[in-house]
N, C-alpha and C. Protein backbone atom coordinates (compact mmCIF):
# COMPACT_ATOMS: atom_id res chain seq x y z
N UNK A 1 91.55 -83.67 -58.99
CA UNK A 1 91.78 -84.35 -58.14
C UNK A 1 93.51 -83.86 -57.61
N UNK A 2 94.27 -84.43 -58.62
CA UNK A 2 95.67 -84.33 -58.58
C UNK A 2 95.98 -82.89 -58.51
N UNK A 3 95.25 -82.11 -59.08
CA UNK A 3 95.53 -80.47 -58.88
C UNK A 3 95.36 -79.85 -57.70
N UNK A 4 94.21 -80.50 -56.86
CA UNK A 4 93.92 -80.04 -55.55
C UNK A 4 95.05 -80.31 -55.02
N UNK A 5 95.79 -81.39 -54.86
CA UNK A 5 96.90 -82.17 -53.89
C UNK A 5 97.83 -81.05 -54.40
N UNK A 6 98.10 -81.07 -55.73
CA UNK A 6 99.58 -80.07 -55.78
C UNK A 6 99.44 -78.73 -55.26
N UNK A 7 97.97 -78.15 -55.20
CA UNK A 7 97.83 -76.82 -54.93
C UNK A 7 97.93 -76.68 -53.24
N UNK A 8 97.57 -77.89 -52.84
CA UNK A 8 97.58 -77.94 -51.10
C UNK A 8 98.95 -78.18 -50.89
N UNK A 9 99.87 -78.90 -51.66
CA UNK A 9 101.26 -78.88 -51.26
C UNK A 9 101.92 -77.73 -51.53
N UNK A 10 101.64 -76.74 -52.42
CA UNK A 10 102.13 -75.47 -52.66
C UNK A 10 101.79 -74.56 -51.54
N UNK A 11 100.70 -74.73 -51.01
CA UNK A 11 100.00 -73.68 -50.19
C UNK A 11 100.50 -73.89 -48.64
N UNK A 12 100.35 -75.25 -48.35
CA UNK A 12 100.61 -75.48 -47.20
C UNK A 12 101.81 -75.26 -46.69
N UNK A 13 103.13 -75.63 -47.43
CA UNK A 13 104.40 -75.29 -46.97
C UNK A 13 104.70 -73.77 -46.71
N UNK A 14 104.05 -72.94 -47.72
CA UNK A 14 104.42 -71.68 -47.69
C UNK A 14 103.78 -71.06 -46.51
N UNK A 15 102.60 -71.48 -46.10
CA UNK A 15 101.96 -71.21 -44.84
C UNK A 15 102.78 -71.64 -43.37
N UNK A 16 103.14 -72.89 -43.47
CA UNK A 16 103.83 -73.23 -42.13
C UNK A 16 105.29 -72.53 -42.19
N UNK A 17 105.67 -72.14 -43.45
CA UNK A 17 107.07 -71.25 -43.46
C UNK A 17 106.74 -69.73 -42.77
N UNK A 18 105.85 -69.30 -43.17
CA UNK A 18 105.54 -67.83 -42.50
C UNK A 18 105.06 -68.03 -41.19
N UNK A 19 104.52 -69.06 -40.86
CA UNK A 19 104.32 -69.41 -39.46
C UNK A 19 105.62 -69.52 -38.61
N UNK A 20 106.55 -70.40 -38.87
CA UNK A 20 107.60 -70.47 -38.41
C UNK A 20 108.53 -69.02 -38.04
N UNK A 21 108.66 -68.60 -39.23
CA UNK A 21 109.20 -67.03 -39.15
C UNK A 21 108.66 -66.09 -38.20
N UNK A 22 107.30 -66.12 -38.15
CA UNK A 22 106.67 -65.29 -37.24
C UNK A 22 106.95 -65.78 -35.55
N UNK A 23 107.04 -67.12 -35.69
CA UNK A 23 107.08 -67.36 -34.31
C UNK A 23 108.67 -67.29 -33.75
N UNK A 24 109.50 -67.38 -34.78
CA UNK A 24 110.98 -67.08 -34.50
C UNK A 24 111.21 -65.72 -34.06
N UNK A 25 110.38 -64.73 -34.53
CA UNK A 25 110.68 -63.28 -34.36
C UNK A 25 110.00 -63.02 -32.90
N UNK A 26 108.70 -63.62 -32.75
CA UNK A 26 107.99 -63.41 -31.34
C UNK A 26 108.68 -63.96 -30.16
N UNK A 27 109.29 -65.02 -30.18
CA UNK A 27 109.86 -65.78 -29.01
C UNK A 27 111.38 -65.26 -28.98
N UNK A 28 111.75 -65.13 -27.75
CA UNK A 28 113.26 -64.72 -27.55
C UNK A 28 114.11 -65.97 -27.58
N UNK A 29 115.26 -65.84 -27.83
CA UNK A 29 116.09 -67.25 -27.63
C UNK A 29 116.12 -67.64 -26.47
N UNK A 30 116.59 -69.10 -26.21
CA UNK A 30 116.55 -69.67 -24.93
C UNK A 30 117.93 -69.30 -24.35
N UNK A 31 117.68 -68.91 -22.96
CA UNK A 31 118.81 -68.29 -22.13
C UNK A 31 120.14 -69.26 -22.26
N UNK A 32 121.19 -68.73 -22.08
CA UNK A 32 122.33 -69.52 -22.05
C UNK A 32 122.96 -69.23 -20.58
N UNK A 33 123.58 -70.19 -20.26
CA UNK A 33 124.27 -70.03 -18.96
C UNK A 33 126.00 -70.29 -19.28
N UNK A 34 126.73 -69.45 -18.48
CA UNK A 34 127.92 -69.37 -18.48
C UNK A 34 128.64 -70.70 -18.16
N UNK A 35 129.71 -71.36 -18.90
CA UNK A 35 129.96 -72.51 -18.44
C UNK A 35 130.86 -72.71 -17.26
N UNK A 36 131.60 -71.61 -16.90
CA UNK A 36 132.01 -71.45 -15.49
C UNK A 36 131.27 -71.43 -14.41
N UNK A 37 130.09 -70.69 -14.52
CA UNK A 37 129.06 -70.44 -13.68
C UNK A 37 128.31 -72.12 -13.50
N UNK A 38 128.17 -72.77 -14.60
CA UNK A 38 127.76 -74.05 -14.27
C UNK A 38 128.44 -74.93 -13.72
N UNK A 39 130.01 -74.86 -13.90
CA UNK A 39 130.74 -75.81 -13.27
C UNK A 39 130.84 -75.51 -11.56
N UNK A 40 130.68 -73.98 -11.52
CA UNK A 40 130.79 -73.74 -9.99
C UNK A 40 129.78 -74.45 -9.34
N UNK A 41 128.38 -73.88 -9.96
CA UNK A 41 127.01 -74.59 -9.30
C UNK A 41 127.20 -76.07 -9.23
N UNK A 42 127.51 -76.68 -10.08
CA UNK A 42 127.50 -78.26 -9.95
C UNK A 42 128.70 -78.59 -8.68
N UNK A 43 129.74 -78.00 -8.64
CA UNK A 43 130.56 -78.47 -7.66
C UNK A 43 130.03 -78.09 -6.23
N UNK A 44 129.48 -76.80 -6.07
CA UNK A 44 128.53 -76.53 -4.97
C UNK A 44 127.74 -77.35 -4.44
N UNK A 45 126.94 -78.00 -5.20
CA UNK A 45 125.82 -78.72 -5.32
C UNK A 45 126.32 -80.14 -4.91
N UNK A 46 127.49 -80.55 -5.16
CA UNK A 46 128.17 -81.84 -4.91
C UNK A 46 128.61 -81.85 -3.49
N UNK A 47 129.13 -80.62 -3.14
CA UNK A 47 129.44 -80.54 -1.71
C UNK A 47 128.52 -80.87 -0.64
N UNK A 48 127.07 -80.84 -0.91
CA UNK A 48 125.94 -80.66 0.02
C UNK A 48 125.97 -82.46 0.16
N UNK A 49 126.26 -82.65 1.66
CA UNK A 49 126.06 -84.12 1.76
C UNK A 49 124.60 -84.73 2.28
N UNK A 50 124.41 -86.20 2.04
CA UNK A 50 123.23 -86.66 2.24
C UNK A 50 123.32 -87.34 3.70
N UNK A 51 122.25 -86.87 4.56
CA UNK A 51 122.84 -87.43 6.10
C UNK A 51 122.34 -88.84 6.22
N UNK A 52 122.90 -89.73 6.97
CA UNK A 52 122.98 -91.04 7.16
C UNK A 52 122.45 -91.30 8.85
N UNK A 53 121.54 -92.21 8.83
CA UNK A 53 121.30 -93.05 9.96
C UNK A 53 121.94 -94.40 9.96
N UNK A 54 122.79 -94.58 10.90
CA UNK A 54 123.79 -95.75 10.77
C UNK A 54 123.30 -96.77 11.91
N UNK A 55 122.65 -98.03 11.54
CA UNK A 55 122.56 -99.10 12.47
C UNK A 55 123.42 -100.21 12.54
N UNK A 56 123.83 -100.46 13.63
CA UNK A 56 124.80 -101.57 13.61
C UNK A 56 123.94 -102.73 14.62
N UNK A 57 124.85 -103.66 14.82
CA UNK A 57 124.52 -104.78 15.78
C UNK A 57 124.10 -104.53 17.04
N UNK A 58 124.82 -103.49 17.59
CA UNK A 58 124.57 -102.95 18.85
C UNK A 58 124.06 -101.68 19.20
N UNK A 59 124.15 -100.86 18.36
CA UNK A 59 124.31 -99.30 18.37
C UNK A 59 123.77 -98.68 17.20
N UNK A 60 123.20 -97.42 17.31
CA UNK A 60 122.75 -96.57 16.16
C UNK A 60 123.65 -95.17 16.39
N UNK A 61 123.64 -94.64 15.13
CA UNK A 61 124.27 -93.46 15.03
C UNK A 61 123.92 -92.63 13.47
N UNK A 62 124.88 -91.69 13.37
CA UNK A 62 124.72 -91.01 12.31
C UNK A 62 126.05 -90.74 11.21
N UNK A 63 125.72 -90.07 10.07
CA UNK A 63 126.88 -90.22 9.14
C UNK A 63 126.47 -89.15 8.05
N UNK A 64 127.70 -89.01 7.10
CA UNK A 64 127.02 -88.08 5.89
C UNK A 64 127.76 -88.81 4.62
N UNK A 65 126.94 -88.78 3.40
CA UNK A 65 127.50 -89.39 2.35
C UNK A 65 127.39 -88.47 1.07
N UNK A 66 128.26 -88.36 0.07
CA UNK A 66 128.41 -87.75 -0.91
C UNK A 66 128.43 -88.80 -2.24
N UNK A 67 128.32 -88.21 -3.36
CA UNK A 67 128.02 -88.97 -4.48
C UNK A 67 128.55 -88.71 -5.90
N UNK A 68 129.53 -89.14 -6.36
CA UNK A 68 129.90 -88.69 -7.70
C UNK A 68 129.27 -89.71 -8.90
N UNK A 69 128.65 -89.30 -10.01
CA UNK A 69 128.30 -89.98 -11.23
C UNK A 69 129.14 -89.99 -12.10
N UNK A 70 130.18 -90.79 -12.54
CA UNK A 70 130.84 -90.61 -13.86
C UNK A 70 130.57 -91.12 -15.24
N UNK A 71 129.29 -91.84 -14.85
CA UNK A 71 128.64 -92.52 -15.95
C UNK A 71 126.94 -92.77 -15.81
N UNK A 72 126.22 -92.42 -16.82
CA UNK A 72 124.70 -92.86 -16.70
C UNK A 72 124.23 -92.82 -18.22
N UNK A 73 123.75 -94.20 -18.15
CA UNK A 73 123.07 -94.44 -19.67
C UNK A 73 121.51 -94.35 -19.13
N UNK A 74 120.82 -93.28 -19.70
CA UNK A 74 119.32 -93.16 -19.31
C UNK A 74 118.54 -93.61 -20.61
N UNK A 75 117.60 -94.86 -20.56
CA UNK A 75 116.95 -95.21 -21.26
C UNK A 75 115.25 -94.77 -21.24
N UNK A 76 115.15 -93.61 -20.53
CA UNK A 76 113.98 -93.04 -20.47
C UNK A 76 114.06 -91.63 -21.04
N UNK A 77 114.98 -91.37 -21.82
CA UNK A 77 114.88 -89.84 -22.35
C UNK A 77 115.37 -90.22 -23.42
N UNK A 78 115.05 -89.59 -24.81
CA UNK A 78 115.80 -89.80 -26.22
C UNK A 78 116.87 -88.85 -26.61
N UNK A 79 116.83 -87.70 -25.72
CA UNK A 79 117.87 -86.79 -26.20
C UNK A 79 119.31 -87.15 -25.20
N UNK A 80 120.51 -87.40 -25.79
CA UNK A 80 121.58 -87.65 -24.95
C UNK A 80 121.45 -88.40 -23.94
N UNK A 81 121.12 -89.87 -24.17
CA UNK A 81 120.90 -90.83 -23.01
C UNK A 81 122.32 -91.03 -22.49
N UNK A 82 123.47 -90.70 -22.94
CA UNK A 82 124.60 -91.00 -22.31
C UNK A 82 125.20 -89.76 -21.74
N UNK A 83 125.35 -89.89 -20.31
CA UNK A 83 125.76 -88.72 -19.73
C UNK A 83 126.75 -88.66 -18.54
N UNK A 84 127.57 -88.00 -18.21
CA UNK A 84 128.72 -88.17 -17.20
C UNK A 84 128.58 -86.92 -16.43
N UNK A 85 128.78 -87.32 -14.95
CA UNK A 85 128.98 -86.46 -13.79
C UNK A 85 127.67 -85.49 -13.64
N UNK A 86 127.34 -84.40 -14.80
CA UNK A 86 126.18 -83.61 -14.64
C UNK A 86 125.01 -84.50 -15.24
N UNK A 87 124.17 -84.94 -14.52
CA UNK A 87 122.92 -85.86 -14.67
C UNK A 87 121.93 -85.13 -14.27
N UNK A 88 120.99 -84.70 -14.95
CA UNK A 88 119.73 -83.97 -14.35
C UNK A 88 118.65 -85.03 -13.93
N UNK A 89 117.94 -84.84 -13.03
CA UNK A 89 117.30 -86.12 -12.14
C UNK A 89 116.32 -86.83 -13.05
N UNK A 90 115.82 -85.96 -14.24
CA UNK A 90 114.84 -86.55 -15.19
C UNK A 90 115.29 -87.56 -15.86
N UNK A 91 116.53 -87.38 -16.38
CA UNK A 91 117.33 -88.55 -16.99
C UNK A 91 117.51 -89.60 -16.18
N UNK A 92 118.03 -89.55 -14.97
CA UNK A 92 117.96 -90.59 -13.93
C UNK A 92 116.91 -91.32 -13.79
N UNK A 93 115.97 -90.69 -13.24
CA UNK A 93 114.79 -91.18 -12.52
C UNK A 93 113.73 -91.72 -13.62
N UNK A 94 113.87 -91.51 -14.88
CA UNK A 94 112.80 -91.83 -15.89
C UNK A 94 113.08 -93.19 -16.45
N UNK A 95 114.39 -93.88 -15.99
CA UNK A 95 114.83 -94.95 -16.33
C UNK A 95 116.40 -94.78 -16.63
N UNK A 96 117.37 -95.42 -15.91
CA UNK A 96 118.55 -95.35 -15.95
C UNK A 96 119.39 -96.25 -15.49
N UNK A 97 120.71 -96.45 -15.82
CA UNK A 97 121.82 -97.28 -15.36
C UNK A 97 122.90 -96.47 -15.08
N UNK A 98 123.50 -96.57 -13.59
CA UNK A 98 124.34 -95.43 -13.45
C UNK A 98 125.54 -96.09 -12.63
N UNK A 99 126.57 -95.91 -12.97
CA UNK A 99 128.00 -96.09 -12.21
C UNK A 99 128.29 -94.95 -11.15
N UNK A 100 128.64 -95.21 -9.87
CA UNK A 100 129.19 -94.05 -8.98
C UNK A 100 130.20 -94.50 -8.04
N UNK A 101 130.53 -93.32 -7.47
CA UNK A 101 131.53 -93.38 -6.37
C UNK A 101 131.06 -92.66 -5.24
N UNK A 102 131.39 -93.41 -4.06
CA UNK A 102 130.60 -92.48 -2.95
C UNK A 102 131.52 -92.63 -1.66
N UNK A 103 131.81 -91.46 -1.41
CA UNK A 103 132.67 -91.55 -0.26
C UNK A 103 131.57 -91.13 1.07
N UNK A 104 131.86 -91.69 2.22
CA UNK A 104 131.00 -91.20 3.30
C UNK A 104 131.88 -91.60 4.61
N UNK A 105 131.18 -90.88 5.66
CA UNK A 105 131.60 -90.88 6.88
C UNK A 105 130.47 -91.49 7.85
N UNK A 106 130.51 -92.73 8.49
CA UNK A 106 129.50 -93.61 9.23
C UNK A 106 130.25 -93.65 10.75
N UNK A 107 129.40 -93.27 11.66
CA UNK A 107 129.85 -93.42 12.98
C UNK A 107 129.79 -94.97 13.45
N UNK A 108 130.51 -95.14 14.66
CA UNK A 108 130.42 -96.54 15.22
C UNK A 108 131.17 -97.65 14.87
N UNK A 109 132.53 -97.00 14.17
CA UNK A 109 133.34 -98.10 13.49
C UNK A 109 134.09 -98.75 14.94
N UNK A 110 133.97 -100.03 14.96
CA UNK A 110 134.56 -100.83 15.96
C UNK A 110 136.32 -100.54 16.48
N UNK A 111 136.69 -100.67 17.59
CA UNK A 111 137.96 -100.72 17.96
C UNK A 111 138.62 -99.20 17.60
N UNK A 112 137.81 -98.11 17.65
CA UNK A 112 138.35 -96.67 17.41
C UNK A 112 138.92 -96.69 16.18
N UNK A 113 138.49 -97.34 15.18
CA UNK A 113 138.95 -96.97 13.66
C UNK A 113 138.39 -95.97 13.16
N UNK A 114 138.70 -95.46 11.87
CA UNK A 114 138.34 -94.27 11.25
C UNK A 114 136.78 -94.89 10.59
N UNK A 115 135.78 -93.87 10.83
CA UNK A 115 134.62 -93.98 10.25
C UNK A 115 134.45 -94.00 8.69
N UNK A 116 135.43 -93.54 8.00
CA UNK A 116 135.47 -93.41 6.56
C UNK A 116 135.30 -94.65 5.87
N UNK A 117 134.26 -94.45 4.49
CA UNK A 117 134.15 -95.68 3.76
C UNK A 117 133.94 -95.15 2.48
N UNK A 118 134.80 -95.96 1.46
CA UNK A 118 134.67 -95.70 0.02
C UNK A 118 134.05 -96.53 -0.56
N UNK A 119 133.02 -96.04 -1.49
CA UNK A 119 132.05 -97.07 -2.20
C UNK A 119 132.18 -96.90 -3.84
N UNK A 120 132.21 -98.20 -4.61
CA UNK A 120 131.92 -98.06 -5.92
C UNK A 120 130.83 -99.07 -6.20
N UNK A 121 130.09 -98.55 -7.30
CA UNK A 121 128.94 -99.55 -7.49
C UNK A 121 128.20 -99.37 -8.62
N UNK A 122 127.02 -99.65 -8.98
CA UNK A 122 126.07 -99.43 -9.87
C UNK A 122 124.61 -99.85 -9.68
N UNK A 123 123.69 -98.86 -10.14
CA UNK A 123 122.21 -98.74 -9.81
C UNK A 123 121.52 -98.69 -10.82
N UNK A 124 120.27 -99.49 -10.69
CA UNK A 124 119.38 -99.44 -11.69
C UNK A 124 118.03 -98.61 -11.40
N UNK A 125 117.55 -97.72 -12.14
CA UNK A 125 116.56 -96.71 -11.57
C UNK A 125 115.37 -96.92 -12.38
N UNK A 126 114.22 -97.42 -11.96
CA UNK A 126 113.10 -97.39 -12.48
C UNK A 126 111.83 -96.43 -12.36
N UNK A 127 111.04 -95.87 -13.15
CA UNK A 127 110.21 -95.01 -12.62
C UNK A 127 108.76 -95.57 -12.13
N UNK A 128 108.17 -95.03 -11.47
CA UNK A 128 106.80 -95.93 -10.53
C UNK A 128 105.92 -95.15 -10.93
N UNK A 129 105.79 -93.92 -10.66
CA UNK A 129 104.69 -92.69 -10.94
C UNK A 129 105.14 -91.69 -11.54
N UNK A 130 104.45 -91.37 -12.69
CA UNK A 130 104.77 -90.12 -13.34
C UNK A 130 106.22 -90.01 -14.10
N UNK A 131 106.57 -90.94 -14.54
CA UNK A 131 107.79 -91.00 -15.34
C UNK A 131 108.98 -90.88 -14.50
N UNK A 132 108.65 -91.19 -13.34
CA UNK A 132 109.76 -91.08 -12.15
C UNK A 132 109.80 -89.81 -11.62
N UNK A 133 109.11 -88.90 -12.10
CA UNK A 133 108.96 -87.25 -11.48
C UNK A 133 108.15 -87.32 -9.97
N UNK A 134 107.25 -88.27 -9.96
CA UNK A 134 106.63 -88.40 -8.68
C UNK A 134 107.36 -89.38 -7.60
N UNK A 135 107.52 -90.56 -8.31
CA UNK A 135 108.11 -91.67 -7.45
C UNK A 135 109.05 -92.58 -8.15
N UNK A 136 110.13 -92.87 -8.13
CA UNK A 136 110.99 -93.97 -8.72
C UNK A 136 111.76 -94.76 -8.06
N UNK A 137 112.19 -95.56 -8.19
CA UNK A 137 112.69 -96.83 -7.34
C UNK A 137 113.87 -97.33 -7.77
N UNK A 138 114.99 -97.63 -6.92
CA UNK A 138 116.35 -98.06 -7.42
C UNK A 138 116.73 -99.27 -6.93
N UNK A 139 117.72 -100.05 -7.54
CA UNK A 139 118.27 -101.42 -7.11
C UNK A 139 119.42 -101.43 -7.45
N UNK A 140 120.31 -101.49 -6.39
CA UNK A 140 121.86 -101.47 -6.90
C UNK A 140 123.12 -102.37 -5.95
N UNK A 141 124.17 -102.41 -6.29
CA UNK A 141 125.10 -102.95 -5.40
C UNK A 141 126.42 -102.24 -5.46
N UNK A 142 127.21 -102.40 -4.50
CA UNK A 142 128.40 -101.78 -4.54
C UNK A 142 129.44 -102.75 -3.95
N UNK A 143 130.72 -102.24 -3.84
CA UNK A 143 131.89 -102.72 -3.10
C UNK A 143 132.48 -101.69 -1.97
N UNK A 144 132.43 -101.94 -0.97
CA UNK A 144 132.99 -100.78 0.20
C UNK A 144 134.43 -101.13 0.39
N UNK A 145 135.13 -100.28 0.85
CA UNK A 145 136.39 -100.31 1.44
C UNK A 145 136.52 -99.50 2.62
N UNK A 146 136.58 -100.06 3.87
CA UNK A 146 136.59 -99.30 5.23
C UNK A 146 137.94 -99.76 5.83
N UNK A 147 138.21 -99.14 7.02
CA UNK A 147 139.29 -99.54 7.97
C UNK A 147 138.85 -100.94 8.31
N UNK A 148 139.85 -102.00 8.29
CA UNK A 148 139.48 -103.31 8.66
C UNK A 148 139.02 -104.32 7.36
N UNK A 149 138.86 -103.68 6.05
CA UNK A 149 138.62 -104.56 4.99
C UNK A 149 137.47 -103.99 4.21
N UNK A 150 136.99 -104.99 3.38
CA UNK A 150 136.20 -104.26 2.30
C UNK A 150 135.08 -105.60 2.17
N UNK A 151 134.08 -105.37 1.45
CA UNK A 151 133.18 -106.02 0.92
C UNK A 151 132.07 -105.70 0.03
N UNK A 152 130.93 -106.72 0.17
CA UNK A 152 129.93 -106.09 -0.78
C UNK A 152 128.65 -105.56 -0.05
N UNK A 153 127.85 -104.91 -0.77
CA UNK A 153 126.58 -104.30 -0.24
C UNK A 153 125.45 -104.23 -1.24
N UNK A 154 124.41 -104.34 -1.07
CA UNK A 154 123.25 -104.42 -1.68
C UNK A 154 122.28 -103.11 -1.30
N UNK A 155 121.57 -102.51 -2.08
CA UNK A 155 120.86 -101.13 -1.99
C UNK A 155 119.58 -101.22 -2.58
N UNK A 156 118.44 -100.58 -2.09
CA UNK A 156 117.40 -100.30 -2.47
C UNK A 156 117.06 -98.84 -2.06
N UNK A 157 116.18 -98.09 -2.98
CA UNK A 157 115.70 -96.68 -2.60
C UNK A 157 114.56 -96.36 -3.35
N UNK A 158 113.87 -95.19 -2.67
CA UNK A 158 112.79 -94.76 -3.55
C UNK A 158 113.10 -93.38 -3.45
N UNK A 159 112.47 -92.46 -4.34
CA UNK A 159 112.92 -91.07 -4.56
C UNK A 159 111.55 -90.31 -5.02
N UNK A 160 111.87 -89.10 -4.71
CA UNK A 160 110.45 -88.45 -4.91
C UNK A 160 110.92 -87.02 -5.21
N UNK A 161 110.00 -86.11 -5.30
CA UNK A 161 110.17 -84.68 -5.66
C UNK A 161 111.17 -84.53 -6.82
N UNK A 162 110.66 -84.97 -7.86
CA UNK A 162 111.55 -84.92 -9.38
C UNK A 162 112.86 -85.67 -8.95
N UNK A 163 112.81 -86.46 -8.19
CA UNK A 163 114.22 -87.38 -8.06
C UNK A 163 115.37 -86.52 -7.40
N UNK A 164 115.02 -85.38 -6.61
CA UNK A 164 115.96 -84.57 -6.18
C UNK A 164 115.98 -85.15 -4.53
N UNK A 165 114.97 -85.76 -4.01
CA UNK A 165 115.14 -86.34 -2.65
C UNK A 165 114.90 -87.80 -2.47
N UNK A 166 115.32 -88.50 -1.65
CA UNK A 166 114.90 -89.89 -1.57
C UNK A 166 115.72 -90.52 -0.45
N UNK A 167 115.20 -91.92 -0.32
CA UNK A 167 115.60 -92.66 1.03
C UNK A 167 115.95 -93.91 0.28
N UNK A 168 117.52 -94.36 0.70
CA UNK A 168 117.95 -95.68 0.39
C UNK A 168 118.42 -96.32 1.52
N UNK A 169 118.41 -97.48 1.54
CA UNK A 169 118.80 -98.55 2.61
C UNK A 169 120.02 -99.38 1.96
N UNK A 170 121.20 -99.40 2.58
CA UNK A 170 122.22 -99.97 2.18
C UNK A 170 122.62 -101.02 3.13
N UNK A 171 122.73 -102.37 2.86
CA UNK A 171 123.01 -103.40 3.69
C UNK A 171 124.27 -103.90 3.42
N UNK A 172 125.15 -104.05 4.31
CA UNK A 172 126.72 -104.40 4.34
C UNK A 172 126.87 -105.36 5.28
N UNK A 173 126.71 -106.85 5.11
CA UNK A 173 126.58 -107.82 6.38
C UNK A 173 127.95 -107.93 6.82
N UNK A 174 129.20 -107.67 6.19
CA UNK A 174 130.35 -107.80 6.75
C UNK A 174 130.95 -106.52 7.33
N UNK A 175 130.43 -105.36 7.24
CA UNK A 175 130.64 -104.15 7.68
C UNK A 175 130.38 -103.78 9.35
N UNK A 176 131.19 -104.35 9.87
CA UNK A 176 130.91 -104.38 11.43
C UNK A 176 130.20 -103.32 12.20
N UNK A 177 129.31 -103.11 12.80
CA UNK A 177 128.53 -102.43 13.56
C UNK A 177 128.21 -101.26 12.65
N UNK A 178 128.08 -101.25 11.31
CA UNK A 178 127.60 -100.40 10.39
C UNK A 178 126.68 -101.32 9.32
N UNK A 179 125.90 -102.34 9.59
CA UNK A 179 125.44 -103.30 8.69
C UNK A 179 124.49 -102.76 7.72
N UNK A 180 123.59 -101.90 8.33
CA UNK A 180 122.55 -101.42 7.60
C UNK A 180 122.80 -99.65 8.02
N UNK A 181 122.53 -98.98 6.50
CA UNK A 181 122.86 -97.64 6.36
C UNK A 181 121.65 -96.85 5.81
N UNK A 182 120.94 -96.16 6.50
CA UNK A 182 119.54 -95.28 5.64
C UNK A 182 120.22 -93.87 5.25
N UNK A 183 119.89 -93.56 4.24
CA UNK A 183 120.45 -92.28 3.75
C UNK A 183 119.19 -91.55 3.23
N UNK A 184 119.07 -90.22 3.70
CA UNK A 184 118.09 -89.36 3.27
C UNK A 184 118.95 -88.78 2.10
N UNK A 185 118.49 -89.09 0.93
CA UNK A 185 119.31 -88.51 -0.39
C UNK A 185 119.01 -87.04 -0.71
N UNK A 186 119.95 -86.19 -0.92
CA UNK A 186 119.74 -84.91 -1.62
C UNK A 186 120.69 -84.98 -2.61
N UNK A 187 120.13 -84.84 -3.83
CA UNK A 187 120.81 -85.11 -5.27
C UNK A 187 120.36 -84.17 -6.04
N UNK A 188 121.04 -82.75 -6.45
CA UNK A 188 120.52 -82.02 -7.55
C UNK A 188 121.09 -82.34 -8.97
N UNK A 189 121.98 -82.94 -9.19
CA UNK A 189 122.69 -83.43 -10.39
C UNK A 189 123.03 -84.85 -10.33
């Protein structure tokens, strides 16, 4: 019995090593991307704004929003759970906590003030269906600064199509004539 175990221990690793060498020769190396190309692609993707539907106490309008994510901790992936700026949707929507900054322009500012709003906040993402690739949900809060002052906001969202598309609703009770902003999110990173 002990002899059979010793023979199996010698035979199995040798066979596995032959198989590994054969696979390494048959499979091409994984493709590598140029870091400059990656940086340019990320920058171009960040310039694509998400369209907004702005609802105020007495009017409706439109706007655009961008987002930069300097920090994400993903508890849904094992490899590289901490990420900065470039965050693939799988890491975010399989379960994560993120910090973000978001400049936006929303119409309907009162008294002919500028429509620009700056936000900084955090979000929790949870997968709902298919580890978040089919459907995920978010809950977050932010502080905004706009012409006339600042205040707090709460937000919830649903994301689909591998997390690249989504709908979020941001409620800012003190943001006059722009209390509810619904965004159709388009995010590649």
